[in-house]
Amino acid sequence: MIATVVLGVGLLAIAGMQISAIKGNSRASDITKATALIEDKLSGYKGMAYDDIDDEQGVDGVFSWTTTVDSNSPVNGLKTITVKSSWSSGERTHSLSFATIVSK
């Protein structure tokens, strides 16, 4: 009888850990997808003409993205391009952003 109770408590603890692992894997998957989206956008800007790079935004599945371009930043002749991706998971909104600098 006592062994059954101990086994039951142990199985409940393992079930709780499994739920946490599933949530963690889902969050990691979302971060990986957001990172891939941002990297794709940034690599596209590096292939564009300097004067054609401008602010823009869009939606790709559950991920929205925004590009912000700061001209002559940090110095004249350079542009700082920041791409931010946002997504919702449950009741929470998450975001991730990367930046790069391009020259004329």
Protein backbone atom coordinates (compact mmCIF):
# COMPACT_ATOMS: atom_id res chain seq x y z
CA MET A 1 0.00 0.00 0.00
CA ILE A 2 2.75 2.45 0.95
CA ALA A 3 4.69 1.51 -2.17
CA THR A 4 1.63 2.34 -4.29
CA VAL A 5 1.34 5.78 -2.68
CA VAL A 6 5.04 6.50 -3.20
CA LEU A 7 4.78 5.34 -6.81
CA GLY A 8 1.70 7.54 -7.36
CA VAL A 9 3.44 10.63 -5.97
CA GLY A 10 6.47 9.96 -8.15
CA LEU A 11 4.34 9.55 -11.27
CA LEU A 12 2.51 12.82 -10.57
CA ALA A 13 5.84 14.63 -10.24
CA ILE A 14 7.02 13.18 -13.54
CA ALA A 15 3.76 14.22 -15.23
CA GLY A 16 4.29 17.81 -14.01
CA MET A 17 7.81 17.84 -15.38
CA GLN A 18 6.54 16.53 -18.73
CA ILE A 19 4.11 19.44 -19.03
CA SER A 20 6.92 21.91 -18.30
CA ALA A 21 9.12 20.23 -20.91
CA ILE A 22 6.39 20.45 -23.56
CA LYS A 23 5.87 24.17 -22.86
CA GLY A 24 9.63 24.77 -22.98
CA ASN A 25 9.95 22.94 -26.29
CA SER A 26 7.10 24.97 -27.77
CA ARG A 27 8.71 28.25 -26.68
CA ALA A 28 12.08 27.15 -28.07
CA SER A 29 10.42 26.27 -31.38
CA ASP A 30 8.80 29.73 -31.55
CA ILE A 31 12.13 31.44 -30.84
CA THR A 32 13.83 29.37 -33.54
CA LYS A 33 11.15 30.28 -36.10
CA ALA A 34 11.31 33.99 -35.16
CA THR A 35 15.11 33.91 -35.46
CA ALA A 36 14.90 32.32 -38.91
CA LEU A 37 12.39 34.96 -40.04
CA ILE A 38 14.61 37.81 -38.80
CA GLU A 39 17.74 36.34 -40.35
CA ASP A 40 15.91 35.93 -43.67
CA LYS A 41 14.80 39.57 -43.62
CA LEU A 42 18.26 40.87 -42.65
CA SER A 43 20.02 38.86 -45.35
CA GLY A 44 17.56 40.22 -47.91
CA TYR A 45 18.41 43.79 -46.95
CA LYS A 46 22.12 43.14 -47.38
CA GLY A 47 21.46 42.30 -51.03
CA MET A 48 19.43 45.46 -51.68
CA ALA A 49 20.65 48.81 -52.95
CA TYR A 50 21.49 51.14 -50.06
CA ASP A 51 18.87 53.74 -51.02
CA ASP A 52 16.11 51.11 -51.34
CA ILE A 53 16.36 49.96 -47.72
CA ASP A 54 13.48 51.48 -45.77
CA ASP A 55 11.07 50.80 -42.91
CA GLU A 56 8.50 48.09 -43.52
CA GLN A 57 6.34 45.57 -41.74
CA GLY A 58 4.43 42.40 -42.43
CA VAL A 59 3.00 39.15 -41.16
CA ASP A 60 4.35 35.65 -41.75
CA GLY A 61 2.00 33.07 -40.22
CA VAL A 62 1.67 33.76 -36.50
CA PHE A 63 4.72 36.04 -36.55
CA SER A 64 4.53 39.76 -37.29
CA TRP A 65 7.72 41.63 -38.14
CA THR A 66 8.78 45.24 -38.28
CA THR A 67 11.88 46.70 -39.88
CA THR A 68 13.20 50.01 -38.59
CA VAL A 69 15.96 51.76 -40.54
CA ASP A 70 18.06 54.50 -38.94
CA SER A 71 19.97 56.41 -41.62
CA ASN A 72 23.42 57.84 -40.90
CA SER A 73 23.59 55.76 -37.75
CA PRO A 74 26.00 55.26 -36.09
CA VAL A 75 27.85 57.55 -38.55
CA ASN A 76 27.20 59.17 -41.93
CA GLY A 77 26.99 56.69 -44.81
CA LEU A 78 25.74 53.82 -42.66
CA LYS A 79 22.26 52.51 -41.91
CA THR A 80 21.31 50.52 -38.84
CA ILE A 81 18.59 48.02 -39.73
CA THR A 82 16.62 46.49 -36.86
CA VAL A 83 14.13 43.70 -37.48
CA LYS A 84 11.74 42.82 -34.66
CA SER A 85 9.50 39.75 -34.73
CA SER A 86 6.53 39.37 -32.38
CA TRP A 87 4.15 36.51 -31.70
CA SER A 88 1.53 35.50 -29.16
CA SER A 89 1.57 32.33 -27.13
CA GLY A 90 -1.43 31.89 -24.88
CA GLU A 91 -2.05 35.22 -23.20
CA ARG A 92 1.54 36.44 -23.57
CA THR A 93 3.15 38.36 -26.38
CA HIS A 94 6.80 37.62 -27.10
CA SER A 95 9.30 39.47 -29.27
CA LEU A 96 12.82 39.11 -30.54
CA SER A 97 14.94 41.59 -32.47
CA PHE A 98 18.29 41.67 -34.25
CA ALA A 99 20.14 44.54 -35.89
CA THR A 100 22.81 44.94 -38.54
CA ILE A 101 24.65 47.85 -40.13
CA VAL A 102 25.04 48.35 -43.89
CA SER A 103 27.14 50.87 -45.80
CA LYS A 104 26.73 52.67 -49.12
